[in-house]
Amino acid sequence: MTKDVLVSLRGLQFDQSETESEKIETIMAGTYYEKNGKHYVLYEEVMEGFTETTKNRIKFDEHFLELSRSGLVNVHMLFEENKKNMTSYHTPYGNILIGIDTRKIHITQEPERMVVNVDYALDINYEYLADCQIVMDIRSKGSAEKLIV
């Protein structure tokens, strides 16, 4: 995997009846490196309607994923298989207490690509909101043509 990557983040959120899902996808340039057996992805993003950027750092291995965001949005989210973690999500609109009950993390790794799947349940202020899935597709910039369809 090269240092310069393109990152696709796709999220699915299923409502309580599981008959409908909401899909969200973003693609951005980022930086990848590996250190002490952990994978790291760094990227910046701008929220619509704001000029301030948010710096994102994703750290992961086969059993956990840690997402840290700082700037316009501030949060430290920890996804650990078979464990529930609580955190405060600071947004321009106020703070939200979220619970992340991670069921499964699966990583597929190729020489120029990694795909990370995370299945979890999301709570807001101690109330179940939805079953969710994150799919992070990281590709070396040179092989990323297939990522942008």
C-alpha atoms as a PDB file:
ATOM      1  CA  MET A   1       0.000   0.000   0.000  1.00  0.00           C
ATOM      2  CA  THR A   2       1.327   3.435  -0.868  1.00  0.00           C
ATOM      3  CA  LYS A   3       1.346   6.449   1.440  1.00  0.00           C
ATOM      4  CA  ASP A   4      -1.059   8.424  -0.787  1.00  0.00           C
ATOM      5  CA  VAL A   5      -4.482   6.785  -0.871  1.00  0.00           C
ATOM      6  CA  LEU A   6      -8.094   7.388  -1.764  1.00  0.00           C
ATOM      7  CA  VAL A   7     -10.555   6.477   0.956  1.00  0.00           C
ATOM      8  CA  SER A   8     -14.195   5.618   0.369  1.00  0.00           C
ATOM      9  CA  LEU A   9     -16.368   5.611   3.487  1.00  0.00           C
ATOM     10  CA  ARG A  10     -19.794   4.085   3.064  1.00  0.00           C
ATOM     11  CA  GLY A  11     -22.254   3.932   5.882  1.00  0.00           C
ATOM     12  CA  LEU A  12     -25.534   2.074   6.074  1.00  0.00           C
ATOM     13  CA  GLN A  13     -28.088   2.730   8.758  1.00  0.00           C
ATOM     14  CA  PHE A  14     -31.047   0.381   9.069  1.00  0.00           C
ATOM     15  CA  ASP A  15     -34.215   1.555  10.766  1.00  0.00           C
ATOM     16  CA  GLN A  16     -35.817  -0.561  13.473  1.00  0.00           C
ATOM     17  CA  SER A  17     -38.019  -2.434  10.990  1.00  0.00           C
ATOM     18  CA  GLU A  18     -34.915  -3.167   8.824  1.00  0.00           C
ATOM     19  CA  THR A  19     -37.002  -2.638   5.689  1.00  0.00           C
ATOM     20  CA  GLU A  20     -35.332   0.651   4.789  1.00  0.00           C
ATOM     21  CA  SER A  21     -31.735   1.780   4.949  1.00  0.00           C
ATOM     22  CA  GLU A  22     -30.040   5.130   4.575  1.00  0.00           C
ATOM     23  CA  LYS A  23     -26.787   5.113   2.574  1.00  0.00           C
ATOM     24  CA  ILE A  24     -24.051   7.703   2.927  1.00  0.00           C
ATOM     25  CA  GLU A  25     -20.781   7.683   0.945  1.00  0.00           C
ATOM     26  CA  THR A  26     -17.812  10.026   0.850  1.00  0.00           C
ATOM     27  CA  ILE A  27     -14.552   9.725  -1.102  1.00  0.00           C
ATOM     28  CA  MET A  28     -11.464  11.708  -0.156  1.00  0.00           C
ATOM     29  CA  ALA A  29      -7.696  11.753  -0.525  1.00  0.00           C
ATOM     30  CA  GLY A  30      -5.758  10.612   2.489  1.00  0.00           C
ATOM     31  CA  THR A  31      -2.502   9.326   3.893  1.00  0.00           C
ATOM     32  CA  TYR A  32      -1.893   5.718   4.960  1.00  0.00           C
ATOM     33  CA  TYR A  33       0.830   4.179   7.081  1.00  0.00           C
ATOM     34  CA  GLU A  34       1.391   1.137   9.276  1.00  0.00           C
ATOM     35  CA  LYS A  35       3.110   1.273  12.658  1.00  0.00           C
ATOM     36  CA  ASN A  36       3.538  -1.437  15.305  1.00  0.00           C
ATOM     37  CA  GLY A  37       1.031  -3.735  13.570  1.00  0.00           C
ATOM     38  CA  LYS A  38      -1.681  -1.049  13.432  1.00  0.00           C
ATOM     39  CA  HIS A  39      -3.003   0.630  10.279  1.00  0.00           C
ATOM     40  CA  TYR A  40      -3.534   4.407  10.165  1.00  0.00           C
ATOM     41  CA  VAL A  41      -5.487   6.582   7.722  1.00  0.00           C
ATOM     42  CA  LEU A  42      -5.441  10.377   7.960  1.00  0.00           C
ATOM     43  CA  TYR A  43      -7.666  12.753   5.993  1.00  0.00           C
ATOM     44  CA  GLU A  44      -9.406  16.119   6.251  1.00  0.00           C
ATOM     45  CA  GLU A  45     -12.981  16.998   5.384  1.00  0.00           C
ATOM     46  CA  VAL A  46     -15.159  20.093   5.166  1.00  0.00           C
ATOM     47  CA  MET A  47     -18.812  19.975   6.224  1.00  0.00           C
ATOM     48  CA  GLU A  48     -21.308  21.568   3.861  1.00  0.00           C
ATOM     49  CA  GLY A  49     -22.068  25.145   4.882  1.00  0.00           C
ATOM     50  CA  PHE A  50     -18.845  25.570   6.920  1.00  0.00           C
ATOM     51  CA  THR A  51     -15.308  26.639   6.011  1.00  0.00           C
ATOM     52  CA  GLU A  52     -13.471  25.040   8.943  1.00  0.00           C
ATOM     53  CA  THR A  53     -12.002  21.602   8.288  1.00  0.00           C
ATOM     54  CA  THR A  54     -12.177  18.524  10.467  1.00  0.00           C
ATOM     55  CA  LYS A  55      -9.064  16.358  10.778  1.00  0.00           C
ATOM     56  CA  ASN A  56      -9.751  12.624  10.913  1.00  0.00           C
ATOM     57  CA  ARG A  57      -7.512   9.815  12.104  1.00  0.00           C
ATOM     58  CA  ILE A  58      -8.544   6.184  11.795  1.00  0.00           C
ATOM     59  CA  LYS A  59      -6.475   3.545  13.553  1.00  0.00           C
ATOM     60  CA  PHE A  60      -7.377  -0.119  13.218  1.00  0.00           C
ATOM     61  CA  ASP A  61      -6.417  -3.771  13.288  1.00  0.00           C
ATOM     62  CA  GLU A  62      -8.445  -6.980  13.035  1.00  0.00           C
ATOM     63  CA  HIS A  63     -10.230  -6.459  16.395  1.00  0.00           C
ATOM     64  CA  PHE A  64     -10.769  -2.714  16.799  1.00  0.00           C
ATOM     65  CA  LEU A  65     -11.219   0.549  14.935  1.00  0.00           C
ATOM     66  CA  GLU A  66     -10.612   3.936  16.518  1.00  0.00           C
ATOM     67  CA  LEU A  67     -11.903   7.121  14.857  1.00  0.00           C
ATOM     68  CA  SER A  68     -10.715  10.502  16.128  1.00  0.00           C
ATOM     69  CA  ARG A  69     -12.088  13.722  14.658  1.00  0.00           C
ATOM     70  CA  SER A  70     -10.962  17.213  15.632  1.00  0.00           C
ATOM     71  CA  GLY A  71     -11.886  20.659  14.365  1.00  0.00           C
ATOM     72  CA  LEU A  72     -15.456  21.653  13.575  1.00  0.00           C
ATOM     73  CA  VAL A  73     -16.543  18.234  14.905  1.00  0.00           C
ATOM     74  CA  ASN A  74     -14.789  16.569  17.851  1.00  0.00           C
ATOM     75  CA  VAL A  75     -15.191  12.936  18.826  1.00  0.00           C
ATOM     76  CA  HIS A  76     -13.187   9.863  19.793  1.00  0.00           C
ATOM     77  CA  MET A  77     -15.087   6.726  18.784  1.00  0.00           C
ATOM     78  CA  LEU A  78     -13.902   3.229  19.660  1.00  0.00           C
ATOM     79  CA  PHE A  79     -15.269   0.146  17.905  1.00  0.00           C
ATOM     80  CA  GLU A  80     -14.244  -3.089  19.662  1.00  0.00           C
ATOM     81  CA  GLU A  81     -15.733  -6.461  18.764  1.00  0.00           C
ATOM     82  CA  ASN A  82     -18.344  -7.658  21.257  1.00  0.00           C
ATOM     83  CA  LYS A  83     -18.022  -4.535  23.385  1.00  0.00           C
ATOM     84  CA  LYS A  84     -20.096  -1.373  23.902  1.00  0.00           C
ATOM     85  CA  ASN A  85     -18.353   1.997  24.179  1.00  0.00           C
ATOM     86  CA  MET A  86     -19.868   5.388  25.015  1.00  0.00           C
ATOM     87  CA  THR A  87     -18.580   8.762  23.833  1.00  0.00           C
ATOM     88  CA  SER A  88     -19.620  12.390  23.532  1.00  0.00           C
ATOM     89  CA  TYR A  89     -19.913  13.707  19.974  1.00  0.00           C
ATOM     90  CA  HIS A  90     -19.292  17.497  19.837  1.00  0.00           C
ATOM     91  CA  THR A  91     -20.891  19.164  16.784  1.00  0.00           C
ATOM     92  CA  PRO A  92     -21.574  22.801  15.821  1.00  0.00           C
ATOM     93  CA  TYR A  93     -25.201  22.108  16.788  1.00  0.00           C
ATOM     94  CA  GLY A  94     -24.483  20.728  20.261  1.00  0.00           C
ATOM     95  CA  ASN A  95     -23.237  17.604  22.036  1.00  0.00           C
ATOM     96  CA  ILE A  96     -24.667  14.121  21.619  1.00  0.00           C
ATOM     97  CA  LEU A  97     -23.973  11.093  23.815  1.00  0.00           C
ATOM     98  CA  ILE A  98     -23.573   8.040  21.586  1.00  0.00           C
ATOM     99  CA  GLY A  99     -23.164   4.362  22.329  1.00  0.00           C
ATOM    100  CA  ILE A 100     -21.403   2.013  19.905  1.00  0.00           C
ATOM    101  CA  ASP A 101     -22.087  -1.707  20.374  1.00  0.00           C
ATOM    102  CA  THR A 102     -19.710  -3.358  17.898  1.00  0.00           C
ATOM    103  CA  ARG A 103     -20.643  -6.816  16.691  1.00  0.00           C
ATOM    104  CA  LYS A 104     -18.007  -7.564  14.061  1.00  0.00           C
ATOM    105  CA  ILE A 105     -14.937  -6.086  12.395  1.00  0.00           C
ATOM    106  CA  HIS A 106     -13.611  -7.716   9.235  1.00  0.00           C
ATOM    107  CA  ILE A 107     -10.565  -6.653   7.205  1.00  0.00           C
ATOM    108  CA  THR A 108      -9.701  -7.805   3.688  1.00  0.00           C
ATOM    109  CA  GLN A 109      -6.168  -6.906   2.676  1.00  0.00           C
ATOM    110  CA  GLU A 110      -4.530  -6.925  -0.766  1.00  0.00           C
ATOM    111  CA  PRO A 111      -1.219  -5.344  -1.841  1.00  0.00           C
ATOM    112  CA  GLU A 112      -2.839  -2.090  -3.067  1.00  0.00           C
ATOM    113  CA  ARG A 113      -6.164  -2.196  -1.231  1.00  0.00           C
ATOM    114  CA  MET A 114      -7.788  -2.761   2.167  1.00  0.00           C
ATOM    115  CA  VAL A 115     -11.486  -3.023   2.954  1.00  0.00           C
ATOM    116  CA  VAL A 116     -12.680  -2.677   6.545  1.00  0.00           C
ATOM    117  CA  ASN A 117     -16.256  -3.671   7.470  1.00  0.00           C
ATOM    118  CA  VAL A 118     -17.700  -2.752  10.865  1.00  0.00           C
ATOM    119  CA  ASP A 119     -21.166  -3.885  12.002  1.00  0.00           C
ATOM    120  CA  TYR A 120     -22.554  -2.165  15.102  1.00  0.00           C
ATOM    121  CA  ALA A 121     -25.653  -0.925  16.899  1.00  0.00           C
ATOM    122  CA  LEU A 122     -25.922   2.815  17.556  1.00  0.00           C
ATOM    123  CA  ASP A 123     -27.482   4.392  20.674  1.00  0.00           C
ATOM    124  CA  ILE A 124     -28.216   8.093  21.100  1.00  0.00           C
ATOM    125  CA  ASN A 125     -28.590   9.317  24.696  1.00  0.00           C
ATOM    126  CA  TYR A 126     -28.931   5.706  25.926  1.00  0.00           C
ATOM    127  CA  GLU A 127     -31.704   4.848  23.456  1.00  0.00           C
ATOM    128  CA  TYR A 128     -31.232   2.379  20.608  1.00  0.00           C
ATOM    129  CA  LEU A 129     -31.325   4.187  17.259  1.00  0.00           C
ATOM    130  CA  ALA A 130     -30.298   1.739  14.535  1.00  0.00           C
ATOM    131  CA  ASP A 131     -28.143  -1.114  13.328  1.00  0.00           C
ATOM    132  CA  CYS A 132     -25.319   0.323  11.255  1.00  0.00           C
ATOM    133  CA  GLN A 133     -22.475  -0.723   9.012  1.00  0.00           C
ATOM    134  CA  ILE A 134     -19.336   1.143   7.958  1.00  0.00           C
ATOM    135  CA  VAL A 135     -17.389   0.016   4.899  1.00  0.00           C
ATOM    136  CA  MET A 136     -14.026   1.714   4.474  1.00  0.00           C
ATOM    137  CA  ASP A 137     -12.301   1.021   1.134  1.00  0.00           C
ATOM    138  CA  ILE A 138      -8.676   2.239   1.093  1.00  0.00           C
ATOM    139  CA  ARG A 139      -6.757   2.094  -2.191  1.00  0.00           C
ATOM    140  CA  SER A 140      -3.355   3.265  -3.321  1.00  0.00           C
ATOM    141  CA  LYS A 141      -3.859   6.342  -5.499  1.00  0.00           C
ATOM    142  CA  GLY A 142      -2.369   4.604  -8.549  1.00  0.00           C
ATOM    143  CA  SER A 143      -4.897   1.773  -8.379  1.00  0.00           C
ATOM    144  CA  ALA A 144      -7.893   3.837  -7.288  1.00  0.00           C
ATOM    145  CA  GLU A 145      -9.558   4.338 -10.693  1.00  0.00           C
ATOM    146  CA  LYS A 146     -11.999   1.553  -9.812  1.00  0.00           C
ATOM    147  CA  LEU A 147     -12.963   3.356  -6.591  1.00  0.00           C
ATOM    148  CA  ILE A 148     -14.473   6.328  -8.442  1.00  0.00           C
ATOM    149  CA  VAL A 149     -17.325   4.993 -10.535  1.00  0.00           C
END
